[in-house]
C-alpha atoms as a PDB file:
ATOM      1  CA  UNK A   1      -7.989  -4.815  -2.484  1.00  0.00           C
ATOM      2  CA  UNK A   2      -4.722  -3.729  -4.054  1.00  0.00           C
ATOM      3  CA  UNK A   3      -5.244  -6.318  -6.782  1.00  0.00           C
ATOM      4  CA  UNK A   4      -8.690  -4.890  -7.628  1.00  0.00           C
ATOM      5  CA  UNK A   5      -9.704  -1.927  -9.710  1.00  0.00           C
ATOM      6  CA  UNK A   6     -13.091  -0.229 -10.098  1.00  0.00           C
ATOM      7  CA  UNK A   7     -14.141  -2.638 -12.878  1.00  0.00           C
ATOM      8  CA  UNK A   8     -13.397  -5.657 -10.653  1.00  0.00           C
ATOM      9  CA  UNK A   9     -15.522  -4.213  -7.853  1.00  0.00           C
ATOM     10  CA  UNK A  10     -18.369  -3.452 -10.246  1.00  0.00           C
ATOM     11  CA  UNK A  11     -18.209  -7.011 -11.569  1.00  0.00           C
ATOM     12  CA  UNK A  12     -18.391  -8.289  -7.968  1.00  0.00           C
ATOM     13  CA  UNK A  13     -21.561  -6.262  -7.404  1.00  0.00           C
ATOM     14  CA  UNK A  14     -20.171  -3.274  -5.499  1.00  0.00           C
ATOM     15  CA  UNK A  15     -21.686   0.135  -6.203  1.00  0.00           C
ATOM     16  CA  UNK A  16     -18.572   1.908  -4.879  1.00  0.00           C
ATOM     17  CA  UNK A  17     -15.218   2.383  -6.553  1.00  0.00           C
ATOM     18  CA  UNK A  18     -11.922   1.378  -4.929  1.00  0.00           C
ATOM     19  CA  UNK A  19     -11.272   4.763  -3.301  1.00  0.00           C
ATOM     20  CA  UNK A  20     -14.736   4.981  -1.765  1.00  0.00           C
ATOM     21  CA  UNK A  21     -14.743   1.365  -0.584  1.00  0.00           C
ATOM     22  CA  UNK A  22     -11.255   1.590   0.945  1.00  0.00           C
ATOM     23  CA  UNK A  23     -12.264   4.777   2.768  1.00  0.00           C
ATOM     24  CA  UNK A  24     -15.446   3.145   4.062  1.00  0.00           C
ATOM     25  CA  UNK A  25     -13.553   0.043   5.229  1.00  0.00           C
ATOM     26  CA  UNK A  26     -10.869   2.163   6.947  1.00  0.00           C
ATOM     27  CA  UNK A  27     -13.520   4.049   8.931  1.00  0.00           C
ATOM     28  CA  UNK A  28     -15.160   0.744   9.893  1.00  0.00           C
ATOM     29  CA  UNK A  29     -11.804  -0.766  10.914  1.00  0.00           C
ATOM     30  CA  UNK A  30     -10.904   2.236  13.054  1.00  0.00           C
ATOM     31  CA  UNK A  31     -14.334   2.145  14.729  1.00  0.00           C
ATOM     32  CA  UNK A  32     -13.927  -1.583  15.423  1.00  0.00           C
ATOM     33  CA  UNK A  33     -10.510  -1.051  17.033  1.00  0.00           C
ATOM     34  CA  UNK A  34      -8.517  -2.791  14.294  1.00  0.00           C
ATOM     35  CA  UNK A  35      -4.762  -2.185  14.653  1.00  0.00           C
ATOM     36  CA  UNK A  36      -3.859  -2.038  10.976  1.00  0.00           C
ATOM     37  CA  UNK A  37      -4.819  -2.157   7.328  1.00  0.00           C
ATOM     38  CA  UNK A  38      -3.283  -3.537   4.157  1.00  0.00           C
ATOM     39  CA  UNK A  39      -3.631  -1.144   1.252  1.00  0.00           C
ATOM     40  CA  UNK A  40      -2.168   0.424  -1.837  1.00  0.00           C
ATOM     41  CA  UNK A  41       0.442   3.178  -1.596  1.00  0.00           C
ATOM     42  CA  UNK A  42      -1.945   5.347  -3.600  1.00  0.00           C
ATOM     43  CA  UNK A  43      -4.345   5.242  -0.635  1.00  0.00           C
ATOM     44  CA  UNK A  44      -1.763   5.936   2.087  1.00  0.00           C
ATOM     45  CA  UNK A  45      -1.979   9.708   2.431  1.00  0.00           C
ATOM     46  CA  UNK A  46      -5.785  10.014   2.604  1.00  0.00           C
ATOM     47  CA  UNK A  47      -6.174   6.926   4.808  1.00  0.00           C
ATOM     48  CA  UNK A  48      -3.336   7.997   7.134  1.00  0.00           C
ATOM     49  CA  UNK A  49      -5.094  11.370   7.539  1.00  0.00           C
ATOM     50  CA  UNK A  50      -8.358   9.552   8.228  1.00  0.00           C
ATOM     51  CA  UNK A  51      -7.138   6.952  10.760  1.00  0.00           C
ATOM     52  CA  UNK A  52      -4.353   8.910  12.456  1.00  0.00           C
ATOM     53  CA  UNK A  53      -0.726   8.086  13.202  1.00  0.00           C
ATOM     54  CA  UNK A  54      -1.185   5.007  15.412  1.00  0.00           C
ATOM     55  CA  UNK A  55      -2.783   2.542  12.987  1.00  0.00           C
ATOM     56  CA  UNK A  56      -0.391   0.333  11.041  1.00  0.00           C
ATOM     57  CA  UNK A  57      -0.724   0.791   7.292  1.00  0.00           C
ATOM     58  CA  UNK A  58       1.049  -1.975   5.378  1.00  0.00           C
ATOM     59  CA  UNK A  59       1.668  -1.926   1.630  1.00  0.00           C
ATOM     60  CA  UNK A  60       2.905  -5.465   0.844  1.00  0.00           C
ATOM     61  CA  UNK A  61       2.629  -5.121  -2.924  1.00  0.00           C
ATOM     62  CA  UNK A  62       4.813  -2.020  -3.297  1.00  0.00           C
ATOM     63  CA  UNK A  63       7.435  -2.638  -5.946  1.00  0.00           C
ATOM     64  CA  UNK A  64      10.810  -0.935  -6.271  1.00  0.00           C
ATOM     65  CA  UNK A  65      11.577   1.026  -9.432  1.00  0.00           C
ATOM     66  CA  UNK A  66      11.720  -1.201 -12.504  1.00  0.00           C
ATOM     67  CA  UNK A  67      10.079  -4.220 -10.853  1.00  0.00           C
ATOM     68  CA  UNK A  68       7.216  -6.194 -12.359  1.00  0.00           C
ATOM     69  CA  UNK A  69       3.810  -5.072 -11.031  1.00  0.00           C
ATOM     70  CA  UNK A  70       2.704  -8.670 -10.420  1.00  0.00           C
ATOM     71  CA  UNK A  71      -0.964  -8.785  -9.431  1.00  0.00           C
ATOM     72  CA  UNK A  72      -1.018  -5.168  -8.274  1.00  0.00           C
ATOM     73  CA  UNK A  73      -3.510  -3.113 -10.255  1.00  0.00           C
ATOM     74  CA  UNK A  74      -2.967  -0.171  -7.885  1.00  0.00           C
ATOM     75  CA  UNK A  75       0.810  -0.200  -8.360  1.00  0.00           C
ATOM     76  CA  UNK A  76       1.426   2.710 -10.726  1.00  0.00           C
ATOM     77  CA  UNK A  77       4.734   4.439  -9.902  1.00  0.00           C
ATOM     78  CA  UNK A  78       4.434   4.425  -6.115  1.00  0.00           C
ATOM     79  CA  UNK A  79       7.610   2.690  -4.982  1.00  0.00           C
ATOM     80  CA  UNK A  80       8.909   1.968  -1.469  1.00  0.00           C
ATOM     81  CA  UNK A  81      10.265   5.483  -0.943  1.00  0.00           C
ATOM     82  CA  UNK A  82       6.984   7.108  -1.844  1.00  0.00           C
ATOM     83  CA  UNK A  83       5.069   4.561   0.238  1.00  0.00           C
ATOM     84  CA  UNK A  84       7.221   5.189   3.311  1.00  0.00           C
ATOM     85  CA  UNK A  85       6.991   8.933   2.814  1.00  0.00           C
ATOM     86  CA  UNK A  86       3.218   8.596   2.581  1.00  0.00           C
ATOM     87  CA  UNK A  87       2.924   6.773   5.890  1.00  0.00           C
ATOM     88  CA  UNK A  88       3.407   3.081   5.148  1.00  0.00           C
ATOM     89  CA  UNK A  89       4.405   1.008   8.152  1.00  0.00           C
ATOM     90  CA  UNK A  90       5.930  -1.696   5.955  1.00  0.00           C
ATOM     91  CA  UNK A  91       5.698  -4.004   2.986  1.00  0.00           C
ATOM     92  CA  UNK A  92       7.595  -6.989   1.737  1.00  0.00           C
ATOM     93  CA  UNK A  93       6.237  -9.061  -1.139  1.00  0.00           C
ATOM     94  CA  UNK A  94       9.066  -8.037  -3.505  1.00  0.00           C
ATOM     95  CA  UNK A  95      11.499  -9.338  -0.880  1.00  0.00           C
ATOM     96  CA  UNK A  96       9.728 -12.565   0.050  1.00  0.00           C
ATOM     97  CA  UNK A  97       9.105 -13.518  -3.571  1.00  0.00           C
ATOM     98  CA  UNK A  98      12.571 -12.607  -4.840  1.00  0.00           C
ATOM     99  CA  UNK A  99      15.123 -15.273  -5.773  1.00  0.00           C
ATOM    100  CA  UNK A 100      17.652 -12.999  -4.025  1.00  0.00           C
ATOM    101  CA  UNK A 101      15.834 -11.552  -0.967  1.00  0.00           C
ATOM    102  CA  UNK A 102      18.914  -9.793   0.403  1.00  0.00           C
ATOM    103  CA  UNK A 103      19.547  -7.908  -2.827  1.00  0.00           C
ATOM    104  CA  UNK A 104      15.837  -7.039  -3.113  1.00  0.00           C
ATOM    105  CA  UNK A 105      15.817  -5.689   0.453  1.00  0.00           C
ATOM    106  CA  UNK A 106      18.971  -3.648  -0.162  1.00  0.00           C
ATOM    107  CA  UNK A 107      17.408  -2.043  -3.272  1.00  0.00           C
ATOM    108  CA  UNK A 108      14.277  -1.163  -1.301  1.00  0.00           C
ATOM    109  CA  UNK A 109      16.271   0.292   1.603  1.00  0.00           C
ATOM    110  CA  UNK A 110      18.280   2.404  -0.843  1.00  0.00           C
ATOM    111  CA  UNK A 111      15.086   3.641  -2.485  1.00  0.00           C
ATOM    112  CA  UNK A 112      13.543   4.497   0.895  1.00  0.00           C
ATOM    113  CA  UNK A 113      16.708   6.346   1.932  1.00  0.00           C
ATOM    114  CA  UNK A 114      16.086   8.778  -0.922  1.00  0.00           C
ATOM    115  CA  UNK A 115      12.472   9.439   0.141  1.00  0.00           C
ATOM    116  CA  UNK A 116      11.107  12.397   2.032  1.00  0.00           C
ATOM    117  CA  UNK A 117      10.631  11.591   5.729  1.00  0.00           C
ATOM    118  CA  UNK A 118       7.139  10.665   6.866  1.00  0.00           C
ATOM    119  CA  UNK A 119       5.077  13.589   8.225  1.00  0.00           C
END
């Protein structure tokens, strides 16, 4: 749902906004025994608090500073360092879609190195 915003959900017939729907789906996933979720870095902190430390939370659309947002409507300014500090277990789209994956990975690692450690 990281490529959706509240207007997209409303157009699709949902009565809930992104935050409410993501929270509802996280509770359902945890109850069903799902091992992980894919979500926006903006949702990491509240969802990590909700599901606990053992569930994998992956943020594949996180972009390093200065990168194009692509299809990510929930991108804002939450880069890899902030995502890792917020509890992300991983990401990768900016690496896998880069013409120079090694350089992209090195930039992300450098950005993460400057982040506050995960609680």
